[in-house]
């Protein structure tokens, strides 16, 4: 199983401070989606960067690029075009609790 990262690129600076009610609703769906991925042991890590650049990251497992694209594109924030997604292959090299 390969590891992947996708970035959630917000539409404007200070996105977290200026989020609209509709965007907030979609981010609620996004969090529920990530929780399901986590429960299925697909999601490794997720969270936003803080400050004025609120880029989100999701690190996860998928067997191939097609599956990885599906995981990213099924994210409600990307599907609803609240943010844009950018997928890249990734390798977790060091992680607390995980040997080398």
N, C-alpha and C. Protein backbone atom coordinates (compact mmCIF):
# COMPACT_ATOMS: atom_id res chain seq x y z
N UNK A 1 0.86 -1.18 0.00
CA UNK A 1 0.00 0.00 0.00
C UNK A 1 0.90 1.23 0.00
N UNK A 2 0.66 2.15 -0.87
CA UNK A 2 1.44 3.39 -0.99
C UNK A 2 0.85 4.48 -0.11
N UNK A 3 1.67 5.46 0.19
CA UNK A 3 1.22 6.62 0.95
C UNK A 3 1.14 7.82 0.02
N UNK A 4 0.19 8.69 0.31
CA UNK A 4 -0.11 9.85 -0.52
C UNK A 4 -0.38 11.04 0.38
N UNK A 5 -0.21 12.23 -0.18
CA UNK A 5 -0.60 13.45 0.52
C UNK A 5 -1.43 14.29 -0.44
N UNK A 6 -2.49 14.87 0.07
CA UNK A 6 -3.16 15.90 -0.72
C UNK A 6 -3.27 17.16 0.10
N UNK A 7 -3.10 18.25 -0.62
CA UNK A 7 -3.18 19.59 -0.05
C UNK A 7 -4.55 20.16 -0.38
N UNK A 8 -5.15 20.83 0.58
CA UNK A 8 -6.41 21.54 0.37
C UNK A 8 -6.05 23.02 0.34
N UNK A 9 -6.05 23.59 -0.84
CA UNK A 9 -5.65 24.98 -1.04
C UNK A 9 -6.87 25.88 -0.95
N UNK A 10 -6.91 26.76 0.05
CA UNK A 10 -8.09 27.61 0.24
C UNK A 10 -8.19 28.69 -0.85
N UNK A 11 -9.38 29.23 -1.02
CA UNK A 11 -9.60 30.21 -2.08
C UNK A 11 -9.11 31.63 -1.77
N UNK A 12 -8.71 31.87 -0.49
CA UNK A 12 -8.30 33.23 -0.13
C UNK A 12 -7.45 33.18 1.14
N UNK A 13 -6.63 34.21 1.34
CA UNK A 13 -5.86 34.29 2.60
C UNK A 13 -6.81 34.41 3.79
N UNK A 14 -6.34 34.00 4.95
CA UNK A 14 -7.14 34.07 6.18
C UNK A 14 -8.49 33.37 6.05
N UNK A 15 -8.48 32.26 5.33
CA UNK A 15 -9.72 31.52 5.07
C UNK A 15 -10.44 31.15 6.36
N UNK A 16 -9.70 30.64 7.35
CA UNK A 16 -10.33 30.20 8.59
C UNK A 16 -11.05 31.34 9.30
N UNK A 17 -10.52 32.55 9.19
CA UNK A 17 -11.11 33.71 9.86
C UNK A 17 -12.29 34.30 9.07
N UNK A 18 -12.39 33.93 7.79
CA UNK A 18 -13.43 34.53 6.94
C UNK A 18 -14.38 33.48 6.36
N UNK A 19 -14.41 32.30 6.94
CA UNK A 19 -15.22 31.21 6.40
C UNK A 19 -16.71 31.57 6.44
N UNK A 20 -17.40 31.29 5.36
CA UNK A 20 -18.83 31.56 5.28
C UNK A 20 -19.62 30.41 5.91
N UNK A 21 -20.89 30.63 6.23
CA UNK A 21 -21.70 29.54 6.78
C UNK A 21 -21.76 28.33 5.84
N UNK A 22 -21.86 28.55 4.55
CA UNK A 22 -21.90 27.43 3.59
C UNK A 22 -20.57 26.69 3.57
N UNK A 23 -19.46 27.41 3.58
CA UNK A 23 -18.15 26.77 3.62
C UNK A 23 -17.98 25.99 4.92
N UNK A 24 -18.46 26.55 6.01
CA UNK A 24 -18.39 25.87 7.30
C UNK A 24 -19.18 24.56 7.29
N UNK A 25 -20.34 24.58 6.64
CA UNK A 25 -21.15 23.36 6.52
C UNK A 25 -20.38 22.29 5.77
N UNK A 26 -19.75 22.66 4.65
CA UNK A 26 -18.99 21.70 3.85
C UNK A 26 -17.79 21.17 4.64
N UNK A 27 -17.16 22.02 5.43
CA UNK A 27 -16.04 21.57 6.25
C UNK A 27 -16.51 20.61 7.35
N UNK A 28 -17.74 20.74 7.80
CA UNK A 28 -18.29 19.75 8.73
C UNK A 28 -18.39 18.39 8.06
N UNK A 29 -18.84 18.36 6.80
CA UNK A 29 -18.89 17.12 6.03
C UNK A 29 -17.49 16.57 5.80
N UNK A 30 -16.55 17.46 5.55
CA UNK A 30 -15.14 17.10 5.35
C UNK A 30 -14.61 16.37 6.59
N UNK A 31 -14.87 16.92 7.78
CA UNK A 31 -14.38 16.30 9.01
C UNK A 31 -14.99 14.91 9.20
N UNK A 32 -16.28 14.77 8.91
CA UNK A 32 -16.93 13.46 9.03
C UNK A 32 -16.31 12.47 8.03
N UNK A 33 -16.01 12.94 6.83
CA UNK A 33 -15.36 12.11 5.81
C UNK A 33 -14.00 11.63 6.30
N UNK A 34 -13.21 12.55 6.85
CA UNK A 34 -11.88 12.18 7.35
C UNK A 34 -11.98 11.21 8.52
N UNK A 35 -12.95 11.39 9.39
CA UNK A 35 -13.14 10.46 10.51
C UNK A 35 -13.41 9.05 9.99
N UNK A 36 -14.21 8.93 8.94
CA UNK A 36 -14.48 7.60 8.36
C UNK A 36 -13.21 6.99 7.77
N UNK A 37 -12.42 7.81 7.07
CA UNK A 37 -11.15 7.31 6.54
C UNK A 37 -10.24 6.85 7.67
N UNK A 38 -10.23 7.60 8.76
CA UNK A 38 -9.40 7.25 9.91
C UNK A 38 -9.87 5.93 10.53
N UNK A 39 -11.17 5.77 10.70
CA UNK A 39 -11.73 4.53 11.25
C UNK A 39 -11.38 3.33 10.39
N UNK A 40 -11.30 3.53 9.08
CA UNK A 40 -10.96 2.44 8.14
C UNK A 40 -9.45 2.27 7.98
N UNK A 41 -8.68 3.00 8.78
CA UNK A 41 -7.21 2.96 8.77
C UNK A 41 -6.63 3.33 7.42
N UNK A 42 -7.29 4.24 6.73
CA UNK A 42 -6.79 4.80 5.47
C UNK A 42 -6.05 6.10 5.75
N UNK A 43 -6.62 6.94 6.59
CA UNK A 43 -6.04 8.23 6.93
C UNK A 43 -4.95 8.06 7.99
N UNK A 44 -3.79 8.65 7.73
CA UNK A 44 -2.68 8.64 8.67
C UNK A 44 -2.68 9.92 9.50
N UNK A 45 -2.88 11.05 8.84
CA UNK A 45 -2.78 12.35 9.51
C UNK A 45 -3.56 13.37 8.69
N UNK A 46 -4.18 14.33 9.37
CA UNK A 46 -4.86 15.42 8.68
C UNK A 46 -4.89 16.64 9.58
N UNK A 47 -4.85 17.81 8.96
CA UNK A 47 -4.97 19.04 9.71
C UNK A 47 -4.63 20.24 8.86
N UNK A 48 -4.96 21.43 9.36
CA UNK A 48 -4.67 22.66 8.63
C UNK A 48 -3.38 23.32 9.12
N UNK A 49 -2.78 24.11 8.25
CA UNK A 49 -1.73 25.00 8.70
C UNK A 49 -2.41 26.22 9.31
N UNK A 50 -1.76 26.82 10.28
CA UNK A 50 -2.33 27.97 10.98
C UNK A 50 -1.70 29.26 10.48
N UNK A 51 -2.21 30.38 10.94
CA UNK A 51 -1.75 31.67 10.46
C UNK A 51 -2.61 32.12 9.30
N UNK A 52 -2.05 32.93 8.42
CA UNK A 52 -2.86 33.49 7.32
C UNK A 52 -2.95 32.56 6.12
N UNK A 53 -2.10 31.52 6.04
CA UNK A 53 -2.17 30.54 4.94
C UNK A 53 -2.74 29.25 5.50
N UNK A 54 -4.03 29.03 5.31
CA UNK A 54 -4.72 27.90 5.93
C UNK A 54 -4.80 26.69 5.01
N UNK A 55 -3.65 26.24 4.54
CA UNK A 55 -3.59 25.04 3.69
C UNK A 55 -3.83 23.82 4.56
N UNK A 56 -4.68 22.93 4.09
CA UNK A 56 -4.91 21.67 4.79
C UNK A 56 -4.07 20.57 4.18
N UNK A 57 -3.74 19.57 5.00
CA UNK A 57 -3.03 18.40 4.48
C UNK A 57 -3.72 17.14 4.96
N UNK A 58 -3.71 16.14 4.11
CA UNK A 58 -4.21 14.81 4.44
C UNK A 58 -3.19 13.80 3.93
N UNK A 59 -2.67 12.99 4.84
CA UNK A 59 -1.74 11.93 4.48
C UNK A 59 -2.50 10.62 4.68
N UNK A 60 -2.47 9.77 3.65
CA UNK A 60 -3.30 8.57 3.67
C UNK A 60 -2.67 7.45 2.86
N UNK A 61 -3.29 6.28 2.93
CA UNK A 61 -2.85 5.10 2.19
C UNK A 61 -3.81 4.81 1.05
N UNK A 62 -3.25 4.41 -0.07
CA UNK A 62 -4.05 3.95 -1.21
C UNK A 62 -3.15 3.06 -2.07
N UNK A 63 -3.73 2.07 -2.74
CA UNK A 63 -2.90 1.14 -3.51
C UNK A 63 -2.32 1.69 -4.80
N UNK A 64 -2.97 2.72 -5.36
CA UNK A 64 -2.50 3.25 -6.65
C UNK A 64 -3.03 4.67 -6.84
N UNK A 65 -2.56 5.31 -7.90
CA UNK A 65 -2.93 6.72 -8.13
C UNK A 65 -4.43 6.88 -8.35
N UNK A 66 -5.05 5.92 -9.02
CA UNK A 66 -6.50 6.03 -9.27
C UNK A 66 -7.28 6.04 -7.96
N UNK A 67 -6.90 5.15 -7.05
CA UNK A 67 -7.56 5.10 -5.74
C UNK A 67 -7.27 6.36 -4.93
N UNK A 68 -6.03 6.84 -5.02
CA UNK A 68 -5.66 8.06 -4.30
C UNK A 68 -6.46 9.25 -4.82
N UNK A 69 -6.61 9.36 -6.11
CA UNK A 69 -7.41 10.44 -6.69
C UNK A 69 -8.86 10.34 -6.22
N UNK A 70 -9.37 9.14 -6.13
CA UNK A 70 -10.75 8.96 -5.68
C UNK A 70 -10.90 9.44 -4.23
N UNK A 71 -9.93 9.09 -3.36
CA UNK A 71 -9.99 9.54 -1.97
C UNK A 71 -10.01 11.06 -1.92
N UNK A 72 -9.10 11.69 -2.67
CA UNK A 72 -9.03 13.16 -2.66
C UNK A 72 -10.30 13.77 -3.24
N UNK A 73 -10.72 13.30 -4.38
CA UNK A 73 -11.87 13.91 -5.06
C UNK A 73 -13.20 13.66 -4.36
N UNK A 74 -13.26 12.64 -3.51
CA UNK A 74 -14.47 12.38 -2.72
C UNK A 74 -14.55 13.26 -1.47
N UNK A 75 -13.46 13.96 -1.14
CA UNK A 75 -13.48 14.89 -0.02
C UNK A 75 -14.52 15.98 -0.33
N UNK A 76 -15.49 16.19 0.55
CA UNK A 76 -16.55 17.17 0.27
C UNK A 76 -16.03 18.57 -0.05
N UNK A 77 -14.92 19.00 0.56
CA UNK A 77 -14.41 20.34 0.28
C UNK A 77 -13.91 20.48 -1.14
N UNK A 78 -13.41 19.40 -1.70
CA UNK A 78 -12.93 19.41 -3.09
C UNK A 78 -14.10 19.16 -4.03
N UNK A 79 -14.93 18.18 -3.68
CA UNK A 79 -16.10 17.86 -4.52
C UNK A 79 -17.01 19.08 -4.69
N UNK A 80 -17.18 19.86 -3.60
CA UNK A 80 -18.05 21.04 -3.63
C UNK A 80 -17.31 22.30 -4.09
N UNK A 81 -16.02 22.14 -4.46
CA UNK A 81 -15.20 23.23 -4.97
C UNK A 81 -15.03 24.39 -3.98
N UNK A 82 -15.00 24.06 -2.69
CA UNK A 82 -14.70 25.06 -1.66
C UNK A 82 -13.20 25.34 -1.66
N UNK A 83 -12.40 24.30 -1.87
CA UNK A 83 -10.95 24.41 -1.98
C UNK A 83 -10.52 23.66 -3.24
N UNK A 84 -9.26 23.82 -3.62
CA UNK A 84 -8.71 23.00 -4.69
C UNK A 84 -7.78 21.98 -4.06
N UNK A 85 -7.72 20.82 -4.68
CA UNK A 85 -6.87 19.74 -4.17
C UNK A 85 -5.65 19.54 -5.04
N UNK A 86 -4.58 19.11 -4.39
CA UNK A 86 -3.33 18.81 -5.09
C UNK A 86 -2.77 17.52 -4.50
N UNK A 87 -2.70 16.48 -5.30
CA UNK A 87 -2.26 15.16 -4.86
C UNK A 87 -0.80 14.92 -5.22
N UNK A 88 -0.07 14.31 -4.28
CA UNK A 88 1.32 13.92 -4.54
C UNK A 88 1.60 12.58 -3.87
N UNK A 89 2.47 11.76 -4.47
CA UNK A 89 2.94 10.58 -3.75
C UNK A 89 3.73 11.05 -2.53
N UNK A 90 3.75 10.24 -1.49
CA UNK A 90 4.38 10.64 -0.23
C UNK A 90 4.98 9.41 0.43
N UNK A 91 6.00 9.62 1.24
CA UNK A 91 6.55 8.52 2.04
C UNK A 91 6.72 9.01 3.47
N UNK A 92 6.04 8.36 4.39
CA UNK A 92 6.23 8.65 5.80
C UNK A 92 7.56 8.02 6.19
N UNK A 93 8.52 8.85 6.54
CA UNK A 93 9.86 8.36 6.89
C UNK A 93 10.04 8.19 8.39
N UNK A 94 9.54 9.13 9.15
CA UNK A 94 9.59 9.06 10.60
C UNK A 94 8.23 9.42 11.17
N UNK A 95 7.76 8.62 12.09
CA UNK A 95 6.47 8.87 12.72
C UNK A 95 6.51 8.29 14.12
N UNK A 96 6.08 9.07 15.08
CA UNK A 96 6.03 8.58 16.46
C UNK A 96 5.26 7.28 16.51
N UNK A 97 5.84 6.28 17.16
CA UNK A 97 5.17 5.00 17.29
C UNK A 97 5.37 4.06 16.12
N UNK A 98 6.07 4.51 15.09
CA UNK A 98 6.31 3.67 13.92
C UNK A 98 7.81 3.51 13.74
N UNK A 99 8.27 2.30 13.66
CA UNK A 99 9.70 2.04 13.46
C UNK A 99 10.14 2.40 12.05
N UNK A 100 11.43 2.38 11.86
CA UNK A 100 11.99 2.71 10.54
C UNK A 100 11.90 1.56 9.60
